[in-house]
Amino acid sequence: QSLREDETKRWSPTITELHSKLAELRTELEMSKKESAAKIQELTGELQSCQAQRDNAAGAFKEVLSKQAACEAEAVAIIRQEAAEQR
């Protein structure tokens, strides 16, 4: 019985220290989770902003291509008309 009590007394401070360290680690983990969640939210916002900019640029590019195609078609029509008049 006394041997068991001696062992309990000997291990008790170690167990208390481990519980304390475990509590610290849990707190650190929770803080890390919160920081990660905040960073993910920030990066998600930046990603959405970049996607919107990309979509706007793609729309502007399509508009320019459309205008270019119209100008080219008009130029071809003028060249054909001038060629027909020269015949």
PDB file of N, CA and C in Angstrom:
ATOM      1  N   GLN A   1       0.841  -1.202   0.000  1.00  0.00           N
ATOM      2  CA  GLN A   1       0.000   0.000   0.000  1.00  0.00           C
ATOM      3  C   GLN A   1       0.873   1.248   0.000  1.00  0.00           C
ATOM      4  N   SER A   2       1.871   1.270   0.894  1.00  0.00           N
ATOM      5  CA  SER A   2       2.716   2.464   0.991  1.00  0.00           C
ATOM      6  C   SER A   2       3.573   2.620  -0.261  1.00  0.00           C
ATOM      7  N   LEU A   3       3.929   1.513  -0.883  1.00  0.00           N
ATOM      8  CA  LEU A   3       4.675   1.588  -2.142  1.00  0.00           C
ATOM      9  C   LEU A   3       3.841   2.275  -3.211  1.00  0.00           C
ATOM     10  N   ARG A   4       2.578   1.927  -3.242  1.00  0.00           N
ATOM     11  CA  ARG A   4       1.662   2.532  -4.210  1.00  0.00           C
ATOM     12  C   ARG A   4       1.509   4.031  -3.934  1.00  0.00           C
ATOM     13  N   GLU A   5       1.403   4.400  -2.683  1.00  0.00           N
ATOM     14  CA  GLU A   5       1.285   5.811  -2.317  1.00  0.00           C
ATOM     15  C   GLU A   5       2.540   6.579  -2.699  1.00  0.00           C
ATOM     16  N   ASP A   6       3.706   5.955  -2.494  1.00  0.00           N
ATOM     17  CA  ASP A   6       4.972   6.588  -2.865  1.00  0.00           C
ATOM     18  C   ASP A   6       5.029   6.824  -4.380  1.00  0.00           C
ATOM     19  N   GLU A   7       4.619   5.820  -5.137  1.00  0.00           N
ATOM     20  CA  GLU A   7       4.608   5.960  -6.601  1.00  0.00           C
ATOM     21  C   GLU A   7       3.641   7.061  -7.035  1.00  0.00           C
ATOM     22  N   THR A   8       2.484   7.088  -6.408  1.00  0.00           N
ATOM     23  CA  THR A   8       1.490   8.117  -6.732  1.00  0.00           C
ATOM     24  C   THR A   8       2.047   9.502  -6.454  1.00  0.00           C
ATOM     25  N   LYS A   9       2.700   9.661  -5.325  1.00  0.00           N
ATOM     26  CA  LYS A   9       3.284  10.957  -4.975  1.00  0.00           C
ATOM     27  C   LYS A   9       4.400  11.341  -5.946  1.00  0.00           C
ATOM     28  N   ARG A  10       5.164  10.322  -6.352  1.00  0.00           N
ATOM     29  CA  ARG A  10       6.282  10.579  -7.254  1.00  0.00           C
ATOM     30  C   ARG A  10       5.789  10.979  -8.650  1.00  0.00           C
ATOM     31  N   TRP A  11       4.731  10.335  -9.111  1.00  0.00           N
ATOM     32  CA  TRP A  11       4.228  10.593 -10.464  1.00  0.00           C
ATOM     33  C   TRP A  11       3.253  11.769 -10.513  1.00  0.00           C
ATOM     34  N   SER A  12       2.680  12.128  -9.422  1.00  0.00           N
ATOM     35  CA  SER A  12       1.679  13.174  -9.402  1.00  0.00           C
ATOM     36  C   SER A  12       2.164  14.501 -10.000  1.00  0.00           C
ATOM     37  N   PRO A  13       3.348  15.004  -9.640  1.00  0.00           N
ATOM     38  CA  PRO A  13       3.807  16.262 -10.251  1.00  0.00           C
ATOM     39  C   PRO A  13       3.996  16.145 -11.763  1.00  0.00           C
ATOM     40  N   THR A  14       4.495  15.005 -12.204  1.00  0.00           N
ATOM     41  CA  THR A  14       4.697  14.791 -13.636  1.00  0.00           C
ATOM     42  C   THR A  14       3.363  14.801 -14.368  1.00  0.00           C
ATOM     43  N   ILE A  15       2.393  14.127 -13.811  1.00  0.00           N
ATOM     44  CA  ILE A  15       1.059  14.088 -14.424  1.00  0.00           C
ATOM     45  C   ILE A  15       0.452  15.490 -14.454  1.00  0.00           C
ATOM     46  N   THR A  16       0.609  16.231 -13.378  1.00  0.00           N
ATOM     47  CA  THR A  16       0.093  17.598 -13.321  1.00  0.00           C
ATOM     48  C   THR A  16       0.764  18.460 -14.385  1.00  0.00           C
ATOM     49  N   GLU A  17       2.079  18.318 -14.533  1.00  0.00           N
ATOM     50  CA  GLU A  17       2.805  19.065 -15.557  1.00  0.00           C
ATOM     51  C   GLU A  17       2.311  18.699 -16.955  1.00  0.00           C
ATOM     52  N   LEU A  18       2.093  17.416 -17.175  1.00  0.00           N
ATOM     53  CA  LEU A  18       1.618  16.969 -18.480  1.00  0.00           C
ATOM     54  C   LEU A  18       0.221  17.498 -18.780  1.00  0.00           C
ATOM     55  N   HIS A  19      -0.631  17.522 -17.778  1.00  0.00           N
ATOM     56  CA  HIS A  19      -1.975  18.075 -17.966  1.00  0.00           C
ATOM     57  C   HIS A  19      -1.890  19.564 -18.302  1.00  0.00           C
ATOM     58  N   SER A  20      -1.008  20.258 -17.614  1.00  0.00           N
ATOM     59  CA  SER A  20      -0.814  21.683 -17.864  1.00  0.00           C
ATOM     60  C   SER A  20      -0.302  21.907 -19.287  1.00  0.00           C
ATOM     61  N   LYS A  21       0.674  21.112 -19.696  1.00  0.00           N
ATOM     62  CA  LYS A  21       1.238  21.221 -21.052  1.00  0.00           C
ATOM     63  C   LYS A  21       0.177  20.891 -22.087  1.00  0.00           C
ATOM     64  N   LEU A  22      -0.624  19.882 -21.811  1.00  0.00           N
ATOM     65  CA  LEU A  22      -1.703  19.509 -22.719  1.00  0.00           C
ATOM     66  C   LEU A  22      -2.697  20.650 -22.874  1.00  0.00           C
ATOM     67  N   ALA A  23      -3.033  21.301 -21.790  1.00  0.00           N
ATOM     68  CA  ALA A  23      -3.950  22.443 -21.843  1.00  0.00           C
ATOM     69  C   ALA A  23      -3.345  23.573 -22.673  1.00  0.00           C
ATOM     70  N   GLU A  24      -2.052  23.826 -22.502  1.00  0.00           N
ATOM     71  CA  GLU A  24      -1.370  24.848 -23.299  1.00  0.00           C
ATOM     72  C   GLU A  24      -1.411  24.507 -24.784  1.00  0.00           C
ATOM     73  N   LEU A  25      -1.137  23.252 -25.095  1.00  0.00           N
ATOM     74  CA  LEU A  25      -1.140  22.810 -26.491  1.00  0.00           C
ATOM     75  C   LEU A  25      -2.532  22.914 -27.109  1.00  0.00           C
ATOM     76  N   ARG A  26      -3.549  22.587 -26.326  1.00  0.00           N
ATOM     77  CA  ARG A  26      -4.927  22.710 -26.830  1.00  0.00           C
ATOM     78  C   ARG A  26      -5.265  24.160 -27.117  1.00  0.00           C
ATOM     79  N   THR A  27      -4.854  25.056 -26.225  1.00  0.00           N
ATOM     80  CA  THR A  27      -5.094  26.487 -26.425  1.00  0.00           C
ATOM     81  C   THR A  27      -4.356  26.968 -27.673  1.00  0.00           C
ATOM     82  N   GLU A  28      -3.123  26.540 -27.820  1.00  0.00           N
ATOM     83  CA  GLU A  28      -2.324  26.911 -28.990  1.00  0.00           C
ATOM     84  C   GLU A  28      -2.974  26.389 -30.274  1.00  0.00           C
ATOM     85  N   LEU A  29      -3.470  25.176 -30.226  1.00  0.00           N
ATOM     86  CA  LEU A  29      -4.132  24.585 -31.386  1.00  0.00           C
ATOM     87  C   LEU A  29      -5.382  25.375 -31.754  1.00  0.00           C
ATOM     88  N   GLU A  30      -6.174  25.738 -30.772  1.00  0.00           N
ATOM     89  CA  GLU A  30      -7.390  26.515 -31.036  1.00  0.00           C
ATOM     90  C   GLU A  30      -7.051  27.874 -31.653  1.00  0.00           C
ATOM     91  N   MET A  31      -6.017  28.520 -31.132  1.00  0.00           N
ATOM     92  CA  MET A  31      -5.599  29.810 -31.690  1.00  0.00           C
ATOM     93  C   MET A  31      -5.123  29.641 -33.123  1.00  0.00           C
ATOM     94  N   SER A  32      -4.389  28.576 -33.356  1.00  0.00           N
ATOM     95  CA  SER A  32      -3.890  28.291 -34.700  1.00  0.00           C
ATOM     96  C   SER A  32      -5.047  28.038 -35.669  1.00  0.00           C
ATOM     97  N   LYS A  33      -6.060  27.305 -35.192  1.00  0.00           N
ATOM     98  CA  LYS A  33      -7.239  27.048 -36.021  1.00  0.00           C
ATOM     99  C   LYS A  33      -7.939  28.351 -36.382  1.00  0.00           C
ATOM    100  N   LYS A  34      -8.074  29.249 -35.392  1.00  0.00           N
ATOM    101  CA  LYS A  34      -8.732  30.532 -35.637  1.00  0.00           C
ATOM    102  C   LYS A  34      -7.934  31.381 -36.621  1.00  0.00           C
ATOM    103  N   GLU A  35      -6.603  31.386 -36.458  1.00  0.00           N
ATOM    104  CA  GLU A  35      -5.752  32.131 -37.382  1.00  0.00           C
ATOM    105  C   GLU A  35      -5.859  31.561 -38.791  1.00  0.00           C
ATOM    106  N   SER A  36      -5.863  30.244 -38.889  1.00  0.00           N
ATOM    107  CA  SER A  36      -5.974  29.591 -40.195  1.00  0.00           C
ATOM    108  C   SER A  36      -7.314  29.918 -40.845  1.00  0.00           C
ATOM    109  N   ALA A  37      -8.368  29.878 -40.072  1.00  0.00           N
ATOM    110  CA  ALA A  37      -9.697  30.189 -40.607  1.00  0.00           C
ATOM    111  C   ALA A  37      -9.750  31.627 -41.095  1.00  0.00           C
ATOM    112  N   ALA A  38      -9.151  32.544 -40.339  1.00  0.00           N
ATOM    113  CA  ALA A  38      -9.127  33.951 -40.751  1.00  0.00           C
ATOM    114  C   ALA A  38      -8.323  34.122 -42.037  1.00  0.00           C
ATOM    115  N   LYS A  39      -7.198  33.429 -42.127  1.00  0.00           N
ATOM    116  CA  LYS A  39      -6.352  33.520 -43.324  1.00  0.00           C
ATOM    117  C   LYS A  39      -7.077  32.923 -44.522  1.00  0.00           C
ATOM    118  N   ILE A  40      -7.762  31.814 -44.325  1.00  0.00           N
ATOM    119  CA  ILE A  40      -8.532  31.190 -45.414  1.00  0.00           C
ATOM    120  C   ILE A  40      -9.606  32.143 -45.896  1.00  0.00           C
ATOM    121  N   GLN A  41     -10.289  32.800 -44.950  1.00  0.00           N
ATOM    122  CA  GLN A  41     -11.336  33.752 -45.317  1.00  0.00           C
ATOM    123  C   GLN A  41     -10.735  34.919 -46.111  1.00  0.00           C
ATOM    124  N   GLU A  42      -9.582  35.418 -45.668  1.00  0.00           N
ATOM    125  CA  GLU A  42      -8.914  36.519 -46.367  1.00  0.00           C
ATOM    126  C   GLU A  42      -8.520  36.103 -47.783  1.00  0.00           C
ATOM    127  N   LEU A  43      -7.920  34.921 -47.898  1.00  0.00           N
ATOM    128  CA  LEU A  43      -7.489  34.439 -49.211  1.00  0.00           C
ATOM    129  C   LEU A  43      -8.673  34.145 -50.126  1.00  0.00           C
ATOM    130  N   THR A  44      -9.768  33.684 -49.552  1.00  0.00           N
ATOM    131  CA  THR A  44     -10.975  33.442 -50.345  1.00  0.00           C
ATOM    132  C   THR A  44     -11.488  34.758 -50.921  1.00  0.00           C
ATOM    133  N   GLY A  45     -11.462  35.808 -50.116  1.00  0.00           N
ATOM    134  CA  GLY A  45     -11.867  37.130 -50.601  1.00  0.00           C
ATOM    135  C   GLY A  45     -10.969  37.619 -51.727  1.00  0.00           C
ATOM    136  N   GLU A  46      -9.657  37.432 -51.558  1.00  0.00           N
ATOM    137  CA  GLU A  46      -8.717  37.833 -52.607  1.00  0.00           C
ATOM    138  C   GLU A  46      -8.944  37.016 -53.879  1.00  0.00           C
ATOM    139  N   LEU A  47      -9.197  35.725 -53.714  1.00  0.00           N
ATOM    140  CA  LEU A  47      -9.448  34.867 -54.869  1.00  0.00           C
ATOM    141  C   LEU A  47     -10.686  35.333 -55.623  1.00  0.00           C
ATOM    142  N   GLN A  48     -11.764  35.646 -54.890  1.00  0.00           N
ATOM    143  CA  GLN A  48     -12.987  36.113 -55.535  1.00  0.00           C
ATOM    144  C   GLN A  48     -12.744  37.427 -56.279  1.00  0.00           C
ATOM    145  N   SER A  49     -11.944  38.306 -55.692  1.00  0.00           N
ATOM    146  CA  SER A  49     -11.609  39.566 -56.346  1.00  0.00           C
ATOM    147  C   SER A  49     -10.824  39.313 -57.635  1.00  0.00           C
ATOM    148  N   CYS A  50      -9.864  38.419 -57.568  1.00  0.00           N
ATOM    149  CA  CYS A  50      -9.069  38.083 -58.757  1.00  0.00           C
ATOM    150  C   CYS A  50      -9.932  37.443 -59.844  1.00  0.00           C
ATOM    151  N   GLN A  51     -10.856  36.590 -59.427  1.00  0.00           N
ATOM    152  CA  GLN A  51     -11.749  35.952 -60.403  1.00  0.00           C
ATOM    153  C   GLN A  51     -12.633  36.995 -61.084  1.00  0.00           C
ATOM    154  N   ALA A  52     -13.100  37.968 -60.324  1.00  0.00           N
ATOM    155  CA  ALA A  52     -13.926  39.033 -60.900  1.00  0.00           C
ATOM    156  C   ALA A  52     -13.108  39.850 -61.895  1.00  0.00           C
ATOM    157  N   GLN A  53     -11.862  40.164 -61.539  1.00  0.00           N
ATOM    158  CA  GLN A  53     -10.989  40.904 -62.453  1.00  0.00           C
ATOM    159  C   GLN A  53     -10.725  40.105 -63.723  1.00  0.00           C
ATOM    160  N   ARG A  54     -10.509  38.803 -63.554  1.00  0.00           N
ATOM    161  CA  ARG A  54     -10.287  37.930 -64.712  1.00  0.00           C
ATOM    162  C   ARG A  54     -11.508  37.923 -65.624  1.00  0.00           C
ATOM    163  N   ASP A  55     -12.686  37.802 -65.008  1.00  0.00           N
ATOM    164  CA  ASP A  55     -13.920  37.782 -65.794  1.00  0.00           C
ATOM    165  C   ASP A  55     -14.127  39.100 -66.535  1.00  0.00           C
ATOM    166  N   ASN A  56     -13.830  40.219 -65.880  1.00  0.00           N
ATOM    167  CA  ASN A  56     -13.948  41.523 -66.533  1.00  0.00           C
ATOM    168  C   ASN A  56     -12.964  41.633 -67.693  1.00  0.00           C
ATOM    169  N   ALA A  57     -11.733  41.179 -67.473  1.00  0.00           N
ATOM    170  CA  ALA A  57     -10.722  41.226 -68.533  1.00  0.00           C
ATOM    171  C   ALA A  57     -11.122  40.336 -69.704  1.00  0.00           C
ATOM    172  N   ALA A  58     -11.660  39.158 -69.396  1.00  0.00           N
ATOM    173  CA  ALA A  58     -12.094  38.245 -70.460  1.00  0.00           C
ATOM    174  C   ALA A  58     -13.231  38.869 -71.264  1.00  0.00           C
ATOM    175  N   GLY A  59     -14.157  39.532 -70.582  1.00  0.00           N
ATOM    176  CA  GLY A  59     -15.258  40.207 -71.275  1.00  0.00           C
ATOM    177  C   GLY A  59     -14.756  41.328 -72.167  1.00  0.00           C
ATOM    178  N   ALA A  60     -13.812  42.119 -71.652  1.00  0.00           N
ATOM    179  CA  ALA A  60     -13.238  43.214 -72.447  1.00  0.00           C
ATOM    180  C   ALA A  60     -12.485  42.653 -73.655  1.00  0.00           C
ATOM    181  N   PHE A  61     -11.766  41.560 -73.454  1.00  0.00           N
ATOM    182  CA  PHE A  61     -11.020  40.942 -74.550  1.00  0.00           C
ATOM    183  C   PHE A  61     -11.963  40.444 -75.642  1.00  0.00           C
ATOM    184  N   LYS A  62     -13.063  39.814 -75.225  1.00  0.00           N
ATOM    185  CA  LYS A  62     -14.048  39.343 -76.216  1.00  0.00           C
ATOM    186  C   LYS A  62     -14.640  40.508 -76.997  1.00  0.00           C
ATOM    187  N   GLU A  63     -14.890  41.607 -76.302  1.00  0.00           N
ATOM    188  CA  GLU A  63     -15.428  42.794 -76.960  1.00  0.00           C
ATOM    189  C   GLU A  63     -14.443  43.331 -77.994  1.00  0.00           C
ATOM    190  N   VAL A  64     -13.173  43.383 -77.644  1.00  0.00           N
ATOM    191  CA  VAL A  64     -12.143  43.848 -78.574  1.00  0.00           C
ATOM    192  C   VAL A  64     -12.050  42.911 -79.774  1.00  0.00           C
ATOM    193  N   LEU A  65     -12.088  41.604 -79.528  1.00  0.00           N
ATOM    194  CA  LEU A  65     -12.045  40.643 -80.637  1.00  0.00           C
ATOM    195  C   LEU A  65     -13.235  40.824 -81.569  1.00  0.00           C
ATOM    196  N   SER A  66     -14.391  41.076 -80.993  1.00  0.00           N
ATOM    197  CA  SER A  66     -15.596  41.284 -81.789  1.00  0.00           C
ATOM    198  C   SER A  66     -15.451  42.533 -82.654  1.00  0.00           C
ATOM    199  N   LYS A  67     -14.962  43.625 -82.064  1.00  0.00           N
ATOM    200  CA  LYS A  67     -14.748  44.865 -82.830  1.00  0.00           C
ATOM    201  C   LYS A  67     -13.706  44.653 -83.919  1.00  0.00           C
ATOM    202  N   GLN A  68     -12.644  43.910 -83.595  1.00  0.00           N
ATOM    203  CA  GLN A  68     -11.603  43.623 -84.585  1.00  0.00           C
ATOM    204  C   GLN A  68     -12.180  42.833 -85.751  1.00  0.00           C
ATOM    205  N   ALA A  69     -12.988  41.832 -85.449  1.00  0.00           N
ATOM    206  CA  ALA A  69     -13.602  41.024 -86.505  1.00  0.00           C
ATOM    207  C   ALA A  69     -14.512  41.893 -87.385  1.00  0.00           C
ATOM    208  N   ALA A  70     -15.259  42.804 -86.778  1.00  0.00           N
ATOM    209  CA  ALA A  70     -16.136  43.697 -87.549  1.00  0.00           C
ATOM    210  C   ALA A  70     -15.315  44.614 -88.446  1.00  0.00           C
ATOM    211  N   CYS A  71     -14.217  45.151 -87.910  1.00  0.00           N
ATOM    212  CA  CYS A  71     -13.340  46.022 -88.717  1.00  0.00           C
ATOM    213  C   CYS A  71     -12.719  45.252 -89.873  1.00  0.00           C
ATOM    214  N   GLU A  72     -12.276  44.023 -89.597  1.00  0.00           N
ATOM    215  CA  GLU A  72     -11.690  43.196 -90.655  1.00  0.00           C
ATOM    216  C   GLU A  72     -12.726  42.885 -91.734  1.00  0.00           C
ATOM    217  N   ALA A  73     -13.945  42.583 -91.319  1.00  0.00           N
ATOM    218  CA  ALA A  73     -15.006  42.287 -92.287  1.00  0.00           C
ATOM    219  C   ALA A  73     -15.306  43.521 -93.134  1.00  0.00           C
ATOM    220  N   GLU A  74     -15.323  44.688 -92.497  1.00  0.00           N
ATOM    221  CA  GLU A  74     -15.565  45.930 -93.235  1.00  0.00           C
ATOM    222  C   GLU A  74     -14.425  46.195 -94.212  1.00  0.00           C
ATOM    223  N   ALA A  75     -13.187  45.952 -93.788  1.00  0.00           N
ATOM    224  CA  ALA A  75     -12.028  46.163 -94.658  1.00  0.00           C
ATOM    225  C   ALA A  75     -12.073  45.214 -95.855  1.00  0.00           C
ATOM    226  N   VAL A  76     -12.424  43.957 -95.630  1.00  0.00           N
ATOM    227  CA  VAL A  76     -12.528  42.976 -96.717  1.00  0.00           C
ATOM    228  C   VAL A  76     -13.616  43.403 -97.697  1.00  0.00           C
ATOM    229  N   ALA A  77     -14.737  43.883 -97.175  1.00  0.00           N
ATOM    230  CA  ALA A  77     -15.829  44.327 -98.052  1.00  0.00           C
ATOM    231  C   ALA A  77     -15.375  45.508 -98.908  1.00  0.00           C
ATOM    232  N   ILE A  78     -14.647  46.439 -98.322  1.00  0.00           N
ATOM    233  CA  ILE A  78     -14.153  47.608 -99.077  1.00  0.00           C
ATOM    234  C   ILE A  78     -13.163  47.163-100.145  1.00  0.00           C
ATOM    235  N   ILE A  79     -12.254  46.259 -99.802  1.00  0.00           N
ATOM    236  CA  ILE A  79     -11.266  45.771-100.770  1.00  0.00           C
ATOM    237  C   ILE A  79     -11.961  45.052-101.916  1.00  0.00           C
ATOM    238  N   ARG A  80     -12.950  44.256-101.629  1.00  0.00           N
ATOM    239  CA  ARG A  80     -13.688  43.529-102.684  1.00  0.00           C
ATOM    240  C   ARG A  80     -14.445  44.503-103.586  1.00  0.00           C
ATOM    241  N   GLN A  81     -15.026  45.526-102.950  1.00  0.00           N
ATOM    242  CA  GLN A  81     -15.760  46.499-103.734  1.00  0.00           C
ATOM    243  C   GLN A  81     -14.824  47.264-104.664  1.00  0.00           C
ATOM    244  N   GLU A  82     -13.660  47.659-104.138  1.00  0.00           N
ATOM    245  CA  GLU A  82     -12.689  48.384-104.968  1.00  0.00           C
ATOM    246  C   GLU A  82     -12.161  47.499-106.086  1.00  0.00           C
ATOM    247  N   ALA A  83     -11.944  46.198-105.786  1.00  0.00           N
ATOM    248  CA  ALA A  83     -11.467  45.264-106.794  1.00  0.00           C
ATOM    249  C   ALA A  83     -12.537  45.074-107.887  1.00  0.00           C
ATOM    250  N   ALA A  84     -13.805  45.022-107.474  1.00  0.00           N
ATOM    251  CA  ALA A  84     -14.889  44.849-108.448  1.00  0.00           C
ATOM    252  C   ALA A  84     -15.017  46.086-109.338  1.00  0.00           C
ATOM    253  N   GLU A  85     -14.798  47.270-108.772  1.00  0.00           N
ATOM    254  CA  GLU A  85     -14.898  48.518-109.551  1.00  0.00           C
ATOM    255  C   GLU A  85     -13.749  48.636-110.551  1.00  0.00           C
ATOM    256  N   GLN A  86     -12.602  48.040-110.244  1.00  0.00           N
ATOM    257  CA  GLN A  86     -11.454  48.125-111.140  1.00  0.00           C
ATOM    258  C   GLN A  86     -11.559  47.172-112.322  1.00  0.00           C
ATOM    259  N   ARG A  87     -12.471  46.226-112.258  1.00  0.00           N
ATOM    260  CA  ARG A  87     -12.598  45.254-113.341  1.00  0.00           C
ATOM    261  C   ARG A  87     -13.319  45.812-114.509  1.00  0.00           C
TER     262      ARG A  87
END
